[in-house]
Every structure is written in C-alpha cells, then in structure tokens.
Amino acid sequence: MCLISWRTICLLIGIIEIMNRPNKPKTYPGLDHDMNGGMTTVGKLIRDAWLFDILPESETGEGWSISRIDAIYQQVNAEWDKYGSMVSSLPDELQSRHKRIYDEAIAKAKTRGWDPEIIADDVD
C-alpha cells in the first residue's frame, strides 16, 4: 500500500499547474509574478521555506525548475513533519513568524486582485 501525504498531492498539483501553462516557460515565475497573487501551492511552499529558514525571505523562486521546487519541498516537508503539519504545534516564535509571513502574503495578494472566496481556474 502506498500512502501519499496531502502535501505531496498539493505539490504535484502545483507542478502540473506550471507544466500546463500554455505558451509560457516551464519554470516557476516567482512569487511576484505567480497567478493568484502568489497564493498557489508553490507560493505556499516558498513561504514555508522562509518560515523554517530554508530560504531567505528575499527569495521568490523565480526561474526555478521542477527539480529545484522538489528539493525545497523535501526540506520543508521534513520540517513540517516535526510539528505534525500543524501551525498550532509550532513553537511560539515560529507561530508568530508564520502569522506575519502569511498575513503579509494575503494582504499583498488581495492588492493584486486575489479573492480568497473565489476558486480560480489555475491556468493563467
């Protein structure tokens, strides 16, 4: 029996989104150019890498290949496993950092037209 975590499924969906973009490069456009104001599976992965100090907060992932995304995913997944994939299980310092990172991301995405109430067609 093969078990796949929900994070793996979400990453696969994010990779499929990149690969299915018509007439666009098959690399990640970066948080600043991502669809839905960066509120995508790969965007979340990058913000989680910031959370765990895997990447500096200045890194947007622009131009990343699928293999680079997968490498970061493996590292982020290992960190989340320590906390049962639950924000509430993070130490207070990481919970505060998570809140700051995601509050800023949500505010920025809304200024770019992202509406959390709308499930967008993921093909940009």
Protein backbone atom coordinates (compact mmCIF):
# COMPACT_ATOMS: atom_id res chain seq x y z
CA MET A 1 0.00 0.00 0.00
CA CYS A 2 1.38 3.38 -1.00
CA LEU A 3 0.43 6.38 1.11
CA ILE A 4 0.88 9.88 -0.26
CA SER A 5 0.67 12.87 2.04
CA TRP A 6 -1.65 15.77 1.28
CA ARG A 7 1.44 18.00 0.97
CA THR A 8 2.78 15.73 -1.77
CA ILE A 9 -0.53 15.86 -3.59
CA CYS A 10 -0.59 19.66 -3.34
CA LEU A 11 2.96 19.90 -4.67
CA LEU A 12 2.07 17.66 -7.59
CA ILE A 13 -0.89 19.91 -8.36
CA GLY A 14 1.42 22.94 -8.27
CA ILE A 15 3.85 21.27 -10.65
CA ILE A 16 1.02 20.35 -13.00
CA GLU A 17 -0.13 24.00 -12.90
CA ILE A 18 3.33 25.12 -14.03
CA MET A 19 3.61 22.48 -16.73
CA ASN A 20 0.15 23.21 -18.13
CA ARG A 21 0.63 26.96 -18.59
CA PRO A 22 0.15 27.48 -22.32
CA ASN A 23 2.81 29.47 -24.17
CA LYS A 24 4.81 30.13 -21.01
CA PRO A 25 8.16 28.82 -19.72
CA LYS A 26 8.03 25.59 -17.73
CA THR A 27 9.71 27.20 -14.77
CA TYR A 28 8.17 28.85 -11.75
CA PRO A 29 7.52 32.56 -12.43
CA GLY A 30 8.31 33.58 -8.83
CA LEU A 31 6.03 34.88 -6.10
CA ASP A 32 5.93 38.36 -7.62
CA HIS A 33 4.64 37.03 -10.96
CA ASP A 34 2.67 33.99 -9.82
CA MET A 35 -1.04 33.67 -10.51
CA ASN A 36 -3.49 34.50 -7.73
CA GLY A 37 -1.05 36.95 -6.19
CA GLY A 38 1.27 34.10 -5.21
CA MET A 39 -1.44 32.22 -3.32
CA THR A 40 -0.61 28.94 -5.02
CA THR A 41 0.82 25.62 -3.90
CA VAL A 42 4.36 26.57 -4.90
CA GLY A 43 3.93 30.03 -3.38
CA LYS A 44 2.97 28.42 -0.08
CA LEU A 45 5.97 26.13 -0.31
CA ILE A 46 8.31 29.12 -0.69
CA ARG A 47 6.71 30.94 2.25
CA ASP A 48 7.05 27.79 4.36
CA ALA A 49 10.72 27.62 3.39
CA TRP A 50 11.03 31.19 4.70
CA LEU A 51 9.31 30.13 7.90
CA PHE A 52 11.84 27.39 8.57
CA ASP A 53 14.87 29.47 7.42
CA ILE A 54 15.47 27.14 4.48
CA LEU A 55 15.35 30.18 2.19
CA PRO A 56 15.82 33.89 2.89
CA GLU A 57 12.62 35.92 2.69
CA SER A 58 14.05 37.73 -0.32
CA GLU A 59 13.94 34.50 -2.38
CA THR A 60 10.88 34.36 -4.66
CA GLY A 61 11.73 31.20 -6.58
CA GLU A 62 11.71 32.99 -9.92
CA GLY A 63 13.01 30.74 -12.69
CA TRP A 64 13.09 27.60 -10.57
CA SER A 65 12.90 24.26 -12.31
CA ILE A 66 10.64 21.45 -11.14
CA SER A 67 13.66 19.70 -9.60
CA ARG A 68 14.53 22.81 -7.54
CA ILE A 69 10.94 23.02 -6.30
CA ASP A 70 11.03 19.35 -5.36
CA ALA A 71 14.30 19.77 -3.45
CA ILE A 72 12.83 22.62 -1.37
CA TYR A 73 9.65 20.61 -0.89
CA GLN A 74 11.65 17.73 0.64
CA GLN A 75 13.28 20.09 3.14
CA VAL A 76 10.03 21.89 4.04
CA ASN A 77 8.19 18.59 4.40
CA ALA A 78 10.84 17.32 6.84
CA GLU A 79 10.37 20.45 8.97
CA TRP A 80 6.56 20.23 8.98
CA ASP A 81 6.79 16.55 9.97
CA LYS A 82 8.45 17.63 13.24
CA TYR A 83 5.25 19.51 14.13
CA GLY A 84 2.65 17.13 12.74
CA SER A 85 1.94 19.60 9.91
CA MET A 86 0.06 21.78 12.38
CA VAL A 87 0.68 25.51 12.81
CA SER A 88 -0.68 25.19 16.35
CA SER A 89 2.14 22.73 17.15
CA LEU A 90 4.86 25.18 16.14
CA PRO A 91 6.84 26.87 18.92
CA ASP A 92 5.55 30.35 19.74
CA GLU A 93 8.33 32.08 17.78
CA LEU A 94 7.54 30.09 14.62
CA GLN A 95 3.78 30.59 15.09
CA SER A 96 4.35 34.35 15.21
CA ARG A 97 6.60 34.22 12.18
CA HIS A 98 4.05 32.10 10.29
CA LYS A 99 1.32 34.61 11.09
CA ARG A 100 3.45 37.54 9.92
CA ILE A 101 4.53 35.84 6.69
CA TYR A 102 1.02 34.73 5.76
CA ASP A 103 -0.72 37.94 6.86
CA GLU A 104 1.67 39.89 4.61
CA ALA A 105 1.19 37.42 1.74
CA ILE A 106 -2.60 37.59 1.98
CA ALA A 107 -2.62 41.39 2.09
CA LYS A 108 -0.25 41.58 -0.91
CA ALA A 109 -2.28 39.03 -2.89
CA LYS A 110 -5.50 40.95 -2.26
CA THR A 111 -3.93 44.13 -3.66
CA ARG A 112 -3.17 42.09 -6.79
CA GLY A 113 -6.80 41.04 -7.14
CA TRP A 114 -6.76 37.69 -5.35
CA ASP A 115 -10.07 36.89 -3.71
CA PRO A 116 -9.96 34.02 -1.21
CA GLU A 117 -13.66 33.37 -1.81
CA ILE A 118 -13.12 32.56 -5.47
CA ILE A 119 -11.59 29.32 -6.62
CA ALA A 120 -9.78 30.41 -9.73
CA ASP A 121 -9.07 28.45 -12.85
CA ASP A 122 -5.42 27.62 -12.21
CA VAL A 123 -4.36 28.14 -15.80
CA ASP A 124 -3.04 31.68 -16.12
